[in-house]
Amino acid sequence: MTTATVTSKGQITIPAQVREALHVGAGDRVEFVEVEPGRYEFIAATRSVTDLKGMFGKPGKVVSIEEMNATISARGASAR
């Protein structure tokens, strides 16, 4: 198991083996995702937004902006 020490400023140095496995380097962003209370995953956030295209497949129904706004307005009014 690879470990790191937290400094007094709350910083850690990511071990070289982990940086290489995640393909991250100086200036890259990472995310800490809570998977359950007290347990986090460390994820490289180096992918571009365009890489996410198609991740969820095609929508089952195409909805216009007007339809979205009408639904939001109706739901907002019913919540009061």
C-alpha atoms as a PDB file:
ATOM      1  CA  MET A   1       0.000   0.000   0.000  1.00  0.00           C
ATOM      2  CA  THR A   2       1.250   3.473  -0.896  1.00  0.00           C
ATOM      3  CA  THR A   3       0.980   6.181   1.766  1.00  0.00           C
ATOM      4  CA  ALA A   4       1.563   9.932   2.035  1.00  0.00           C
ATOM      5  CA  THR A   5       1.911  12.327   4.955  1.00  0.00           C
ATOM      6  CA  VAL A   6      -0.247  15.429   5.409  1.00  0.00           C
ATOM      7  CA  THR A   7       1.771  18.599   6.091  1.00  0.00           C
ATOM      8  CA  SER A   8       0.790  21.303   8.585  1.00  0.00           C
ATOM      9  CA  LYS A   9      -0.705  23.222   5.630  1.00  0.00           C
ATOM     10  CA  GLY A  10      -2.950  20.267   4.713  1.00  0.00           C
ATOM     11  CA  GLN A  11      -0.892  19.331   1.659  1.00  0.00           C
ATOM     12  CA  ILE A  12       0.265  15.897   0.518  1.00  0.00           C
ATOM     13  CA  THR A  13       2.744  14.743  -2.072  1.00  0.00           C
ATOM     14  CA  ILE A  14       1.203  12.158  -4.361  1.00  0.00           C
ATOM     15  CA  PRO A  15       3.667   9.284  -4.654  1.00  0.00           C
ATOM     16  CA  ALA A  16       5.293   8.925  -8.092  1.00  0.00           C
ATOM     17  CA  GLN A  17       3.797   5.451  -8.599  1.00  0.00           C
ATOM     18  CA  VAL A  18       0.263   6.844  -8.100  1.00  0.00           C
ATOM     19  CA  ARG A  19       0.897   9.897 -10.334  1.00  0.00           C
ATOM     20  CA  GLU A  20       2.120   7.627 -13.109  1.00  0.00           C
ATOM     21  CA  ALA A  21      -0.857   5.255 -12.776  1.00  0.00           C
ATOM     22  CA  LEU A  22      -3.322   8.174 -12.928  1.00  0.00           C
ATOM     23  CA  HIS A  23      -1.367  10.013 -15.644  1.00  0.00           C
ATOM     24  CA  VAL A  24      -1.310  13.247 -13.635  1.00  0.00           C
ATOM     25  CA  GLY A  25       1.428  15.804 -13.398  1.00  0.00           C
ATOM     26  CA  ALA A  26       2.123  19.304 -12.138  1.00  0.00           C
ATOM     27  CA  GLY A  27      -0.870  21.584 -12.654  1.00  0.00           C
ATOM     28  CA  ASP A  28      -3.380  18.772 -13.282  1.00  0.00           C
ATOM     29  CA  ARG A  29      -6.594  18.712 -11.265  1.00  0.00           C
ATOM     30  CA  VAL A  30      -7.802  15.834  -9.109  1.00  0.00           C
ATOM     31  CA  GLU A  31     -11.110  15.162  -7.385  1.00  0.00           C
ATOM     32  CA  PHE A  32     -11.880  13.588  -4.031  1.00  0.00           C
ATOM     33  CA  VAL A  33     -15.208  11.758  -4.281  1.00  0.00           C
ATOM     34  CA  GLU A  34     -16.907  10.479  -1.124  1.00  0.00           C
ATOM     35  CA  VAL A  35     -18.040   6.920  -1.835  1.00  0.00           C
ATOM     36  CA  GLU A  36     -19.322   6.311   1.690  1.00  0.00           C
ATOM     37  CA  PRO A  37     -18.929   8.144   5.003  1.00  0.00           C
ATOM     38  CA  GLY A  38     -15.227   8.384   5.798  1.00  0.00           C
ATOM     39  CA  ARG A  39     -14.103   6.826   2.499  1.00  0.00           C
ATOM     40  CA  TYR A  40     -13.014   8.789  -0.560  1.00  0.00           C
ATOM     41  CA  GLU A  41     -11.798   7.981  -4.046  1.00  0.00           C
ATOM     42  CA  PHE A  42      -9.021  10.041  -5.571  1.00  0.00           C
ATOM     43  CA  ILE A  43      -9.734  10.630  -9.269  1.00  0.00           C
ATOM     44  CA  ALA A  44      -7.731  12.404 -11.959  1.00  0.00           C
ATOM     45  CA  ALA A  45      -9.839  15.235 -13.394  1.00  0.00           C
ATOM     46  CA  THR A  46      -7.754  15.598 -16.518  1.00  0.00           C
ATOM     47  CA  ARG A  47     -10.416  14.736 -19.086  1.00  0.00           C
ATOM     48  CA  SER A  48     -11.888  17.492 -21.185  1.00  0.00           C
ATOM     49  CA  VAL A  49     -15.621  18.137 -21.083  1.00  0.00           C
ATOM     50  CA  THR A  50     -15.840  17.054 -24.718  1.00  0.00           C
ATOM     51  CA  ASP A  51     -14.575  13.595 -23.660  1.00  0.00           C
ATOM     52  CA  LEU A  52     -17.826  13.167 -21.720  1.00  0.00           C
ATOM     53  CA  LYS A  53     -19.981  13.451 -24.851  1.00  0.00           C
ATOM     54  CA  GLY A  54     -22.114  10.368 -25.318  1.00  0.00           C
ATOM     55  CA  MET A  55     -21.443   9.042 -21.828  1.00  0.00           C
ATOM     56  CA  PHE A  56     -25.166   8.689 -21.078  1.00  0.00           C
ATOM     57  CA  GLY A  57     -26.426   7.707 -24.514  1.00  0.00           C
ATOM     58  CA  LYS A  58     -29.102   9.471 -26.507  1.00  0.00           C
ATOM     59  CA  PRO A  59     -32.075  10.977 -24.675  1.00  0.00           C
ATOM     60  CA  GLY A  60     -35.346   9.086 -24.973  1.00  0.00           C
ATOM     61  CA  LYS A  61     -37.267  12.276 -25.702  1.00  0.00           C
ATOM     62  CA  VAL A  62     -36.094  15.601 -27.062  1.00  0.00           C
ATOM     63  CA  VAL A  63     -37.408  18.503 -24.978  1.00  0.00           C
ATOM     64  CA  SER A  64     -37.421  22.146 -26.046  1.00  0.00           C
ATOM     65  CA  ILE A  65     -36.282  25.008 -23.833  1.00  0.00           C
ATOM     66  CA  GLU A  66     -39.869  26.223 -23.696  1.00  0.00           C
ATOM     67  CA  GLU A  67     -41.053  22.831 -22.417  1.00  0.00           C
ATOM     68  CA  MET A  68     -38.290  22.816 -19.800  1.00  0.00           C
ATOM     69  CA  ASN A  69     -39.212  26.305 -18.621  1.00  0.00           C
ATOM     70  CA  ALA A  70     -42.914  25.412 -18.445  1.00  0.00           C
ATOM     71  CA  THR A  71     -42.182  22.317 -16.359  1.00  0.00           C
ATOM     72  CA  ILE A  72     -39.859  24.236 -14.037  1.00  0.00           C
ATOM     73  CA  SER A  73     -42.505  26.936 -13.571  1.00  0.00           C
ATOM     74  CA  ALA A  74     -45.249  24.374 -12.884  1.00  0.00           C
ATOM     75  CA  ARG A  75     -43.119  22.456 -10.386  1.00  0.00           C
ATOM     76  CA  GLY A  76     -42.026  25.666  -8.682  1.00  0.00           C
ATOM     77  CA  ALA A  77     -45.626  26.845  -8.340  1.00  0.00           C
ATOM     78  CA  SER A  78     -46.780  23.495  -6.920  1.00  0.00           C
ATOM     79  CA  ALA A  79     -43.997  23.526  -4.302  1.00  0.00           C
ATOM     80  CA  ARG A  80     -45.394  26.672  -2.667  1.00  0.00           C
END
